[in-house]
Amino acid sequence: MSQLLTTLNAVADPHWHTLADAVPGVTPEIPKDVDQPVQKILNWTAGLGLAGAVLGGLLGWAAVAVGHNSERAALAARGKQAILWSLFGAGGIGVTAALVTTFYNMAK
């Protein structure tokens, strides 16, 4: 137990910032070779996800139309659920893409 306390005391030394001063002028940044492919992956992922959400919404509307016209209430109900889940999916993709892009650009 005393070894653990000694280690914690050494780590929690109030002069720990002197270790960080040993490397002056270092700013973290993403290399340019990595920047472009990562941005393309993020854009394609968000674009394909939103295209899938739009397709799901359109198929949901089609199910609602067919279900109401053929008096199949279960099909119409499933179509309405598909529309809602497509909206939630598109909103989630939009929020996630915005957050990832924001934190990604903070590292630049």
PDB file of N, CA and C in Angstrom:
ATOM      1  N   MET A   1       0.822  -1.196   0.000  1.00  0.00           N
ATOM      2  CA  MET A   1       0.000   0.000   0.000  1.00  0.00           C
ATOM      3  C   MET A   1       0.864   1.257   0.000  1.00  0.00           C
ATOM      4  N   SER A   2       1.992   1.222   0.680  1.00  0.00           N
ATOM      5  CA  SER A   2       2.844   2.403   0.739  1.00  0.00           C
ATOM      6  C   SER A   2       3.467   2.702  -0.620  1.00  0.00           C
ATOM      7  N   GLN A   3       3.722   1.659  -1.449  1.00  0.00           N
ATOM      8  CA  GLN A   3       4.261   1.887  -2.792  1.00  0.00           C
ATOM      9  C   GLN A   3       3.234   2.628  -3.652  1.00  0.00           C
ATOM     10  N   LEU A   4       1.952   2.255  -3.492  1.00  0.00           N
ATOM     11  CA  LEU A   4       0.901   2.935  -4.228  1.00  0.00           C
ATOM     12  C   LEU A   4       0.810   4.400  -3.816  1.00  0.00           C
ATOM     13  N   LEU A   5       0.882   4.664  -2.522  1.00  0.00           N
ATOM     14  CA  LEU A   5       0.831   6.046  -2.046  1.00  0.00           C
ATOM     15  C   LEU A   5       2.044   6.839  -2.509  1.00  0.00           C
ATOM     16  N   THR A   6       3.203   6.210  -2.533  1.00  0.00           N
ATOM     17  CA  THR A   6       4.405   6.888  -3.010  1.00  0.00           C
ATOM     18  C   THR A   6       4.277   7.235  -4.492  1.00  0.00           C
ATOM     19  N   THR A   7       3.735   6.297  -5.261  1.00  0.00           N
ATOM     20  CA  THR A   7       3.538   6.549  -6.683  1.00  0.00           C
ATOM     21  C   THR A   7       2.538   7.667  -6.911  1.00  0.00           C
ATOM     22  N   LEU A   8       1.434   7.632  -6.174  1.00  0.00           N
ATOM     23  CA  LEU A   8       0.435   8.696  -6.311  1.00  0.00           C
ATOM     24  C   LEU A   8       0.993  10.046  -5.885  1.00  0.00           C
ATOM     25  N   ASN A   9       1.812  10.053  -4.870  1.00  0.00           N
ATOM     26  CA  ASN A   9       2.423  11.299  -4.417  1.00  0.00           C
ATOM     27  C   ASN A   9       3.372  11.843  -5.482  1.00  0.00           C
ATOM     28  N   ALA A  10       4.110  10.942  -6.136  1.00  0.00           N
ATOM     29  CA  ALA A  10       5.030  11.377  -7.182  1.00  0.00           C
ATOM     30  C   ALA A  10       4.259  11.908  -8.390  1.00  0.00           C
ATOM     31  N   VAL A  11       3.136  11.274  -8.728  1.00  0.00           N
ATOM     32  CA  VAL A  11       2.334  11.720  -9.861  1.00  0.00           C
ATOM     33  C   VAL A  11       1.624  13.033  -9.553  1.00  0.00           C
ATOM     34  N   ALA A  12       1.164  13.189  -8.331  1.00  0.00           N
ATOM     35  CA  ALA A  12       0.407  14.376  -7.949  1.00  0.00           C
ATOM     36  C   ALA A  12       1.308  15.484  -7.420  1.00  0.00           C
ATOM     37  N   ASP A  13       2.577  15.449  -7.780  1.00  0.00           N
ATOM     38  CA  ASP A  13       3.522  16.471  -7.344  1.00  0.00           C
ATOM     39  C   ASP A  13       3.056  17.833  -7.854  1.00  0.00           C
ATOM     40  N   PRO A  14       3.043  18.863  -7.022  1.00  0.00           N
ATOM     41  CA  PRO A  14       2.555  20.175  -7.474  1.00  0.00           C
ATOM     42  C   PRO A  14       3.424  20.799  -8.563  1.00  0.00           C
ATOM     43  N   HIS A  15       4.618  20.275  -8.772  1.00  0.00           N
ATOM     44  CA  HIS A  15       5.500  20.829  -9.800  1.00  0.00           C
ATOM     45  C   HIS A  15       5.492  19.987 -11.065  1.00  0.00           C
ATOM     46  N   TRP A  16       4.401  19.287 -11.303  1.00  0.00           N
ATOM     47  CA  TRP A  16       4.315  18.422 -12.476  1.00  0.00           C
ATOM     48  C   TRP A  16       4.381  19.194 -13.777  1.00  0.00           C
ATOM     49  N   HIS A  17       3.996  20.456 -13.766  1.00  0.00           N
ATOM     50  CA  HIS A  17       3.999  21.234 -14.995  1.00  0.00           C
ATOM     51  C   HIS A  17       5.414  21.464 -15.513  1.00  0.00           C
ATOM     52  N   THR A  18       6.432  21.295 -14.690  1.00  0.00           N
ATOM     53  CA  THR A  18       7.799  21.455 -15.173  1.00  0.00           C
ATOM     54  C   THR A  18       8.159  20.365 -16.179  1.00  0.00           C
ATOM     55  N   LEU A  19       7.483  19.217 -16.092  1.00  0.00           N
ATOM     56  CA  LEU A  19       7.719  18.169 -17.075  1.00  0.00           C
ATOM     57  C   LEU A  19       7.223  18.599 -18.450  1.00  0.00           C
ATOM     58  N   ALA A  20       6.130  19.332 -18.485  1.00  0.00           N
ATOM     59  CA  ALA A  20       5.570  19.783 -19.753  1.00  0.00           C
ATOM     60  C   ALA A  20       6.404  20.898 -20.370  1.00  0.00           C
ATOM     61  N   ASP A  21       7.166  21.624 -19.545  1.00  0.00           N
ATOM     62  CA  ASP A  21       7.981  22.724 -20.064  1.00  0.00           C
ATOM     63  C   ASP A  21       9.232  22.227 -20.779  1.00  0.00           C
ATOM     64  N   ALA A  22       9.525  20.941 -20.710  1.00  0.00           N
ATOM     65  CA  ALA A  22      10.732  20.410 -21.334  1.00  0.00           C
ATOM     66  C   ALA A  22      10.641  20.434 -22.858  1.00  0.00           C
ATOM     67  N   VAL A  23       9.438  20.479 -23.441  1.00  0.00           N
ATOM     68  CA  VAL A  23       9.254  20.503 -24.889  1.00  0.00           C
ATOM     69  C   VAL A  23       8.549  21.802 -25.253  1.00  0.00           C
ATOM     70  N   PRO A  24       9.293  22.857 -25.570  1.00  0.00           N
ATOM     71  CA  PRO A  24       8.651  24.144 -25.861  1.00  0.00           C
ATOM     72  C   PRO A  24       8.112  24.218 -27.285  1.00  0.00           C
ATOM     73  N   GLY A  25       7.041  24.942 -27.441  1.00  0.00           N
ATOM     74  CA  GLY A  25       6.504  25.262 -28.757  1.00  0.00           C
ATOM     75  C   GLY A  25       5.891  24.102 -29.521  1.00  0.00           C
ATOM     76  N   VAL A  26       5.378  23.099 -28.835  1.00  0.00           N
ATOM     77  CA  VAL A  26       4.762  21.981 -29.521  1.00  0.00           C
ATOM     78  C   VAL A  26       3.255  22.199 -29.549  1.00  0.00           C
ATOM     79  N   THR A  27       2.685  22.181 -30.754  1.00  0.00           N
ATOM     80  CA  THR A  27       1.233  22.282 -30.886  1.00  0.00           C
ATOM     81  C   THR A  27       0.746  21.039 -31.614  1.00  0.00           C
ATOM     82  N   PRO A  28      -0.235  20.354 -31.046  1.00  0.00           N
ATOM     83  CA  PRO A  28      -0.720  19.142 -31.718  1.00  0.00           C
ATOM     84  C   PRO A  28      -1.506  19.501 -32.974  1.00  0.00           C
ATOM     85  N   GLU A  29      -1.203  18.809 -34.052  1.00  0.00           N
ATOM     86  CA  GLU A  29      -1.964  19.007 -35.282  1.00  0.00           C
ATOM     87  C   GLU A  29      -1.970  17.713 -36.081  1.00  0.00           C
ATOM     88  N   ILE A  30      -3.025  17.558 -36.852  1.00  0.00           N
ATOM     89  CA  ILE A  30      -3.189  16.365 -37.662  1.00  0.00           C
ATOM     90  C   ILE A  30      -2.356  16.527 -38.931  1.00  0.00           C
ATOM     91  N   PRO A  31      -1.592  15.508 -39.289  1.00  0.00           N
ATOM     92  CA  PRO A  31      -0.807  15.619 -40.528  1.00  0.00           C
ATOM     93  C   PRO A  31      -1.707  15.781 -41.748  1.00  0.00           C
ATOM     94  N   LYS A  32      -1.216  16.501 -42.734  1.00  0.00           N
ATOM     95  CA  LYS A  32      -2.006  16.766 -43.946  1.00  0.00           C
ATOM     96  C   LYS A  32      -2.316  15.484 -44.712  1.00  0.00           C
ATOM     97  N   ASP A  33      -1.423  14.475 -44.641  1.00  0.00           N
ATOM     98  CA  ASP A  33      -1.673  13.215 -45.340  1.00  0.00           C
ATOM     99  C   ASP A  33      -2.862  12.468 -44.757  1.00  0.00           C
ATOM    100  N   VAL A  34      -3.158  12.706 -43.481  1.00  0.00           N
ATOM    101  CA  VAL A  34      -4.266  12.031 -42.815  1.00  0.00           C
ATOM    102  C   VAL A  34      -5.539  12.862 -42.909  1.00  0.00           C
ATOM    103  N   ASP A  35      -5.397  14.154 -43.037  1.00  0.00           N
ATOM    104  CA  ASP A  35      -6.536  15.066 -42.989  1.00  0.00           C
ATOM    105  C   ASP A  35      -7.540  14.809 -44.112  1.00  0.00           C
ATOM    106  N   GLN A  36      -7.094  14.721 -45.337  1.00  0.00           N
ATOM    107  CA  GLN A  36      -7.999  14.578 -46.468  1.00  0.00           C
ATOM    108  C   GLN A  36      -8.755  13.252 -46.476  1.00  0.00           C
ATOM    109  N   PRO A  37      -8.098  12.098 -46.278  1.00  0.00           N
ATOM    110  CA  PRO A  37      -8.860  10.834 -46.279  1.00  0.00           C
ATOM    111  C   PRO A  37      -9.881  10.746 -45.147  1.00  0.00           C
ATOM    112  N   VAL A  38      -9.525  11.249 -43.986  1.00  0.00           N
ATOM    113  CA  VAL A  38     -10.461  11.193 -42.856  1.00  0.00           C
ATOM    114  C   VAL A  38     -11.678  12.057 -43.152  1.00  0.00           C
ATOM    115  N   GLN A  39     -11.458  13.223 -43.723  1.00  0.00           N
ATOM    116  CA  GLN A  39     -12.586  14.101 -44.058  1.00  0.00           C
ATOM    117  C   GLN A  39     -13.478  13.451 -45.108  1.00  0.00           C
ATOM    118  N   LYS A  40     -12.879  12.756 -46.092  1.00  0.00           N
ATOM    119  CA  LYS A  40     -13.678  12.062 -47.104  1.00  0.00           C
ATOM    120  C   LYS A  40     -14.510  10.948 -46.486  1.00  0.00           C
ATOM    121  N   ILE A  41     -13.919  10.214 -45.550  1.00  0.00           N
ATOM    122  CA  ILE A  41     -14.654   9.128 -44.883  1.00  0.00           C
ATOM    123  C   ILE A  41     -15.841   9.691 -44.109  1.00  0.00           C
ATOM    124  N   LEU A  42     -15.624  10.784 -43.390  1.00  0.00           N
ATOM    125  CA  LEU A  42     -16.718  11.396 -42.627  1.00  0.00           C
ATOM    126  C   LEU A  42     -17.824  11.897 -43.558  1.00  0.00           C
ATOM    127  N   ASN A  43     -17.442  12.518 -44.651  1.00  0.00           N
ATOM    128  CA  ASN A  43     -18.450  13.041 -45.584  1.00  0.00           C
ATOM    129  C   ASN A  43     -19.249  11.917 -46.239  1.00  0.00           C
ATOM    130  N   TRP A  44     -18.562  10.857 -46.686  1.00  0.00           N
ATOM    131  CA  TRP A  44     -19.266   9.744 -47.325  1.00  0.00           C
ATOM    132  C   TRP A  44     -20.184   9.034 -46.340  1.00  0.00           C
ATOM    133  N   THR A  45     -19.723   8.848 -45.105  1.00  0.00           N
ATOM    134  CA  THR A  45     -20.543   8.173 -44.097  1.00  0.00           C
ATOM    135  C   THR A  45     -21.816   8.966 -43.819  1.00  0.00           C
ATOM    136  N   ALA A  46     -21.669  10.264 -43.627  1.00  0.00           N
ATOM    137  CA  ALA A  46     -22.848  11.100 -43.370  1.00  0.00           C
ATOM    138  C   ALA A  46     -23.766  11.134 -44.592  1.00  0.00           C
ATOM    139  N   GLY A  47     -23.194  11.247 -45.778  1.00  0.00           N
ATOM    140  CA  GLY A  47     -24.008  11.304 -46.987  1.00  0.00           C
ATOM    141  C   GLY A  47     -24.780  10.024 -47.240  1.00  0.00           C
ATOM    142  N   LEU A  48     -24.106   8.880 -47.106  1.00  0.00           N
ATOM    143  CA  LEU A  48     -24.799   7.601 -47.311  1.00  0.00           C
ATOM    144  C   LEU A  48     -25.842   7.349 -46.227  1.00  0.00           C
ATOM    145  N   GLY A  49     -25.543   7.743 -45.004  1.00  0.00           N
ATOM    146  CA  GLY A  49     -26.520   7.575 -43.931  1.00  0.00           C
ATOM    147  C   GLY A  49     -27.762   8.422 -44.159  1.00  0.00           C
ATOM    148  N   LEU A  50     -27.570   9.648 -44.595  1.00  0.00           N
ATOM    149  CA  LEU A  50     -28.728  10.503 -44.877  1.00  0.00           C
ATOM    150  C   LEU A  50     -29.506  10.008 -46.089  1.00  0.00           C
ATOM    151  N   ALA A  51     -28.800   9.485 -47.089  1.00  0.00           N
ATOM    152  CA  ALA A  51     -29.500   8.912 -48.247  1.00  0.00           C
ATOM    153  C   ALA A  51     -30.332   7.708 -47.820  1.00  0.00           C
ATOM    154  N   GLY A  52     -29.792   6.884 -46.927  1.00  0.00           N
ATOM    155  CA  GLY A  52     -30.555   5.747 -46.403  1.00  0.00           C
ATOM    156  C   GLY A  52     -31.768   6.192 -45.605  1.00  0.00           C
ATOM    157  N   ALA A  53     -31.619   7.270 -44.835  1.00  0.00           N
ATOM    158  CA  ALA A  53     -32.754   7.782 -44.065  1.00  0.00           C
ATOM    159  C   ALA A  53     -33.844   8.322 -44.991  1.00  0.00           C
ATOM    160  N   VAL A  54     -33.446   9.002 -46.055  1.00  0.00           N
ATOM    161  CA  VAL A  54     -34.433   9.515 -47.022  1.00  0.00           C
ATOM    162  C   VAL A  54     -35.142   8.356 -47.718  1.00  0.00           C
ATOM    163  N   LEU A  55     -34.377   7.340 -48.112  1.00  0.00           N
ATOM    164  CA  LEU A  55     -34.984   6.176 -48.750  1.00  0.00           C
ATOM    165  C   LEU A  55     -35.951   5.468 -47.800  1.00  0.00           C
ATOM    166  N   GLY A  56     -35.562   5.337 -46.532  1.00  0.00           N
ATOM    167  CA  GLY A  56     -36.460   4.730 -45.546  1.00  0.00           C
ATOM    168  C   GLY A  56     -37.732   5.533 -45.355  1.00  0.00           C
ATOM    169  N   GLY A  57     -37.601   6.868 -45.368  1.00  0.00           N
ATOM    170  CA  GLY A  57     -38.785   7.720 -45.258  1.00  0.00           C
ATOM    171  C   GLY A  57     -39.707   7.582 -46.450  1.00  0.00           C
ATOM    172  N   LEU A  58     -39.118   7.532 -47.645  1.00  0.00           N
ATOM    173  CA  LEU A  58     -39.945   7.370 -48.847  1.00  0.00           C
ATOM    174  C   LEU A  58     -40.655   6.019 -48.857  1.00  0.00           C
ATOM    175  N   LEU A  59     -39.941   4.968 -48.467  1.00  0.00           N
ATOM    176  CA  LEU A  59     -40.585   3.650 -48.395  1.00  0.00           C
ATOM    177  C   LEU A  59     -41.662   3.623 -47.310  1.00  0.00           C
ATOM    178  N   GLY A  60     -41.448   4.351 -46.228  1.00  0.00           N
ATOM    179  CA  GLY A  60     -42.469   4.450 -45.188  1.00  0.00           C
ATOM    180  C   GLY A  60     -43.725   5.135 -45.689  1.00  0.00           C
ATOM    181  N   TRP A  61     -43.547   6.237 -46.445  1.00  0.00           N
ATOM    182  CA  TRP A  61     -44.709   6.914 -47.018  1.00  0.00           C
ATOM    183  C   TRP A  61     -45.435   6.012 -48.006  1.00  0.00           C
ATOM    184  N   ALA A  62     -44.665   5.237 -48.772  1.00  0.00           N
ATOM    185  CA  ALA A  62     -45.296   4.304 -49.712  1.00  0.00           C
ATOM    186  C   ALA A  62     -46.096   3.243 -48.962  1.00  0.00           C
ATOM    187  N   ALA A  63     -45.555   2.754 -47.846  1.00  0.00           N
ATOM    188  CA  ALA A  63     -46.275   1.752 -47.050  1.00  0.00           C
ATOM    189  C   ALA A  63     -47.549   2.346 -46.455  1.00  0.00           C
ATOM    190  N   VAL A  64     -47.482   3.594 -46.031  1.00  0.00           N
ATOM    191  CA  VAL A  64     -48.687   4.250 -45.500  1.00  0.00           C
ATOM    192  C   VAL A  64     -49.735   4.378 -46.596  1.00  0.00           C
ATOM    193  N   ALA A  65     -49.322   4.787 -47.792  1.00  0.00           N
ATOM    194  CA  ALA A  65     -50.283   4.949 -48.896  1.00  0.00           C
ATOM    195  C   ALA A  65     -50.916   3.619 -49.283  1.00  0.00           C
ATOM    196  N   VAL A  66     -50.096   2.582 -49.405  1.00  0.00           N
ATOM    197  CA  VAL A  66     -50.630   1.275 -49.774  1.00  0.00           C
ATOM    198  C   VAL A  66     -51.513   0.725 -48.658  1.00  0.00           C
ATOM    199  N   GLY A  67     -51.092   0.905 -47.431  1.00  0.00           N
ATOM    200  CA  GLY A  67     -51.862   0.391 -46.293  1.00  0.00           C
ATOM    201  C   GLY A  67     -53.223   1.061 -46.155  1.00  0.00           C
ATOM    202  N   HIS A  68     -53.280   2.373 -46.390  1.00  0.00           N
ATOM    203  CA  HIS A  68     -54.566   3.064 -46.289  1.00  0.00           C
ATOM    204  C   HIS A  68     -55.480   2.734 -47.464  1.00  0.00           C
ATOM    205  N   ASN A  69     -54.910   2.618 -48.631  1.00  0.00           N
ATOM    206  CA  ASN A  69     -55.747   2.339 -49.807  1.00  0.00           C
ATOM    207  C   ASN A  69     -56.232   0.900 -49.858  1.00  0.00           C
ATOM    208  N   SER A  70     -55.473  -0.012 -49.288  1.00  0.00           N
ATOM    209  CA  SER A  70     -55.892  -1.417 -49.317  1.00  0.00           C
ATOM    210  C   SER A  70     -56.519  -1.849 -47.988  1.00  0.00           C
ATOM    211  N   GLU A  71     -56.747  -0.900 -47.104  1.00  0.00           N
ATOM    212  CA  GLU A  71     -57.359  -1.132 -45.794  1.00  0.00           C
ATOM    213  C   GLU A  71     -56.592  -2.148 -44.954  1.00  0.00           C
ATOM    214  N   ARG A  72     -55.280  -2.074 -45.048  1.00  0.00           N
ATOM    215  CA  ARG A  72     -54.428  -2.886 -44.174  1.00  0.00           C
ATOM    216  C   ARG A  72     -53.787  -1.940 -43.161  1.00  0.00           C
ATOM    217  N   ALA A  73     -54.402  -1.869 -41.999  1.00  0.00           N
ATOM    218  CA  ALA A  73     -53.973  -0.919 -40.972  1.00  0.00           C
ATOM    219  C   ALA A  73     -52.575  -1.236 -40.452  1.00  0.00           C
ATOM    220  N   ALA A  74     -52.211  -2.516 -40.402  1.00  0.00           N
ATOM    221  CA  ALA A  74     -50.898  -2.890 -39.883  1.00  0.00           C
ATOM    222  C   ALA A  74     -49.788  -2.362 -40.799  1.00  0.00           C
ATOM    223  N   LEU A  75     -49.988  -2.427 -42.107  1.00  0.00           N
ATOM    224  CA  LEU A  75     -48.994  -1.923 -43.048  1.00  0.00           C
ATOM    225  C   LEU A  75     -48.858  -0.409 -42.927  1.00  0.00           C
ATOM    226  N   ALA A  76     -49.976   0.274 -42.768  1.00  0.00           N
ATOM    227  CA  ALA A  76     -49.938   1.732 -42.596  1.00  0.00           C
ATOM    228  C   ALA A  76     -49.228   2.111 -41.300  1.00  0.00           C
ATOM    229  N   ALA A  77     -49.477   1.340 -40.240  1.00  0.00           N
ATOM    230  CA  ALA A  77     -48.821   1.623 -38.960  1.00  0.00           C
ATOM    231  C   ALA A  77     -47.312   1.406 -39.057  1.00  0.00           C
ATOM    232  N   ARG A  78     -46.899   0.337 -39.751  1.00  0.00           N
ATOM    233  CA  ARG A  78     -45.460   0.103 -39.942  1.00  0.00           C
ATOM    234  C   ARG A  78     -44.834   1.211 -40.787  1.00  0.00           C
ATOM    235  N   GLY A  79     -45.575   1.709 -41.760  1.00  0.00           N
ATOM    236  CA  GLY A  79     -45.078   2.819 -42.570  1.00  0.00           C
ATOM    237  C   GLY A  79     -44.884   4.080 -41.752  1.00  0.00           C
ATOM    238  N   LYS A  80     -45.818   4.342 -40.850  1.00  0.00           N
ATOM    239  CA  LYS A  80     -45.689   5.520 -39.984  1.00  0.00           C
ATOM    240  C   LYS A  80     -44.486   5.389 -39.053  1.00  0.00           C
ATOM    241  N   GLN A  81     -44.263   4.176 -38.545  1.00  0.00           N
ATOM    242  CA  GLN A  81     -43.082   3.949 -37.710  1.00  0.00           C
ATOM    243  C   GLN A  81     -41.805   4.149 -38.524  1.00  0.00           C
ATOM    244  N   ALA A  82     -41.807   3.678 -39.760  1.00  0.00           N
ATOM    245  CA  ALA A  82     -40.628   3.839 -40.616  1.00  0.00           C
ATOM    246  C   ALA A  82     -40.330   5.314 -40.864  1.00  0.00           C
ATOM    247  N   ILE A  83     -41.374   6.113 -41.025  1.00  0.00           N
ATOM    248  CA  ILE A  83     -41.181   7.548 -41.241  1.00  0.00           C
ATOM    249  C   ILE A  83     -40.545   8.177 -40.010  1.00  0.00           C
ATOM    250  N   LEU A  84     -41.068   7.859 -38.833  1.00  0.00           N
ATOM    251  CA  LEU A  84     -40.518   8.416 -37.600  1.00  0.00           C
ATOM    252  C   LEU A  84     -39.073   7.992 -37.382  1.00  0.00           C
ATOM    253  N   TRP A  85     -38.778   6.696 -37.594  1.00  0.00           N
ATOM    254  CA  TRP A  85     -37.413   6.225 -37.386  1.00  0.00           C
ATOM    255  C   TRP A  85     -36.467   6.836 -38.407  1.00  0.00           C
ATOM    256  N   SER A  86     -36.940   7.103 -39.601  1.00  0.00           N
ATOM    257  CA  SER A  86     -36.093   7.768 -40.592  1.00  0.00           C
ATOM    258  C   SER A  86     -35.772   9.197 -40.167  1.00  0.00           C
ATOM    259  N   LEU A  87     -36.761   9.874 -39.612  1.00  0.00           N
ATOM    260  CA  LEU A  87     -36.515  11.229 -39.115  1.00  0.00           C
ATOM    261  C   LEU A  87     -35.538  11.225 -37.949  1.00  0.00           C
ATOM    262  N   PHE A  88     -35.725  10.290 -37.018  1.00  0.00           N
ATOM    263  CA  PHE A  88     -34.793  10.188 -35.894  1.00  0.00           C
ATOM    264  C   PHE A  88     -33.386   9.834 -36.379  1.00  0.00           C
ATOM    265  N   GLY A  89     -33.310   8.934 -37.342  1.00  0.00           N
ATOM    266  CA  GLY A  89     -32.007   8.543 -37.884  1.00  0.00           C
ATOM    267  C   GLY A  89     -31.306   9.704 -38.570  1.00  0.00           C
ATOM    268  N   ALA A  90     -32.047  10.451 -39.370  1.00  0.00           N
ATOM    269  CA  ALA A  90     -31.457  11.601 -40.057  1.00  0.00           C
ATOM    270  C   ALA A  90     -31.015  12.666 -39.053  1.00  0.00           C
ATOM    271  N   GLY A  91     -31.828  12.896 -38.036  1.00  0.00           N
ATOM    272  CA  GLY A  91     -31.438  13.862 -36.997  1.00  0.00           C
ATOM    273  C   GLY A  91     -30.202  13.409 -36.243  1.00  0.00           C
ATOM    274  N   GLY A  92     -30.142  12.126 -35.924  1.00  0.00           N
ATOM    275  CA  GLY A  92     -28.969  11.600 -35.223  1.00  0.00           C
ATOM    276  C   GLY A  92     -27.714  11.686 -36.064  1.00  0.00           C
ATOM    277  N   ILE A  93     -27.847  11.391 -37.361  1.00  0.00           N
ATOM    278  CA  ILE A  93     -26.689  11.493 -38.251  1.00  0.00           C
ATOM    279  C   ILE A  93     -26.238  12.947 -38.360  1.00  0.00           C
ATOM    280  N   GLY A  94     -27.183  13.848 -38.462  1.00  0.00           N
ATOM    281  CA  GLY A  94     -26.830  15.265 -38.557  1.00  0.00           C
ATOM    282  C   GLY A  94     -26.132  15.770 -37.314  1.00  0.00           C
ATOM    283  N   VAL A  95     -26.642  15.413 -36.157  1.00  0.00           N
ATOM    284  CA  VAL A  95     -26.024  15.850 -34.902  1.00  0.00           C
ATOM    285  C   VAL A  95     -24.653  15.211 -34.729  1.00  0.00           C
ATOM    286  N   THR A  96     -24.568  13.915 -35.022  1.00  0.00           N
ATOM    287  CA  THR A  96     -23.291  13.224 -34.880  1.00  0.00           C
ATOM    288  C   THR A  96     -22.254  13.776 -35.843  1.00  0.00           C
ATOM    289  N   ALA A  97     -22.650  14.009 -37.088  1.00  0.00           N
ATOM    290  CA  ALA A  97     -21.713  14.566 -38.062  1.00  0.00           C
ATOM    291  C   ALA A  97     -21.236  15.951 -37.629  1.00  0.00           C
ATOM    292  N   ALA A  98     -22.135  16.758 -37.092  1.00  0.00           N
ATOM    293  CA  ALA A  98     -21.743  18.089 -36.630  1.00  0.00           C
ATOM    294  C   ALA A  98     -20.773  18.003 -35.452  1.00  0.00           C
ATOM    295  N   LEU A  99     -21.050  17.090 -34.515  1.00  0.00           N
ATOM    296  CA  LEU A  99     -20.152  16.944 -33.362  1.00  0.00           C
ATOM    297  C   LEU A  99     -18.782  16.417 -33.776  1.00  0.00           C
ATOM    298  N   VAL A 100     -18.771  15.406 -34.637  1.00  0.00           N
ATOM    299  CA  VAL A 100     -17.482  14.848 -35.077  1.00  0.00           C
ATOM    300  C   VAL A 100     -16.687  15.897 -35.836  1.00  0.00           C
ATOM    301  N   THR A 101     -17.339  16.638 -36.718  1.00  0.00           N
ATOM    302  CA  THR A 101     -16.642  17.668 -37.480  1.00  0.00           C
ATOM    303  C   THR A 101     -16.130  18.782 -36.560  1.00  0.00           C
ATOM    304  N   THR A 102     -16.919  19.144 -35.557  1.00  0.00           N
ATOM    305  CA  THR A 102     -16.504  20.184 -34.620  1.00  0.00           C
ATOM    306  C   THR A 102     -15.264  19.746 -33.847  1.00  0.00           C
ATOM    307  N   PHE A 103     -15.291  18.539 -33.277  1.00  0.00           N
ATOM    308  CA  PHE A 103     -14.145  18.084 -32.504  1.00  0.00           C
ATOM    309  C   PHE A 103     -12.946  17.799 -33.409  1.00  0.00           C
ATOM    310  N   TYR A 104     -13.191  17.370 -34.621  1.00  0.00           N
ATOM    311  CA  TYR A 104     -12.114  17.122 -35.575  1.00  0.00           C
ATOM    312  C   TYR A 104     -11.420  18.423 -35.933  1.00  0.00           C
ATOM    313  N   ASN A 105     -12.200  19.491 -36.148  1.00  0.00           N
ATOM    314  CA  ASN A 105     -11.615  20.782 -36.493  1.00  0.00           C
ATOM    315  C   ASN A 105     -10.960  21.456 -35.300  1.00  0.00           C
ATOM    316  N   MET A 106     -11.335  21.067 -34.090  1.00  0.00           N
ATOM    317  CA  MET A 106     -10.674  21.639 -32.910  1.00  0.00           C
ATOM    318  C   MET A 106      -9.230  21.157 -32.811  1.00  0.00           C
ATOM    319  N   ALA A 107      -8.942  20.003 -33.393  1.00  0.00           N
ATOM    320  CA  ALA A 107      -7.584  19.470 -33.321  1.00  0.00           C
ATOM    321  C   ALA A 107      -6.661  20.132 -34.326  1.00  0.00           C
ATOM    322  N   LYS A 108      -7.207  20.910 -35.234  1.00  0.00           N
ATOM    323  CA  LYS A 108      -6.360  21.573 -36.255  1.00  0.00           C
ATOM    324  C   LYS A 108      -5.695  22.788 -35.678  1.00  0.00           C
TER     325      LYS A 108
END
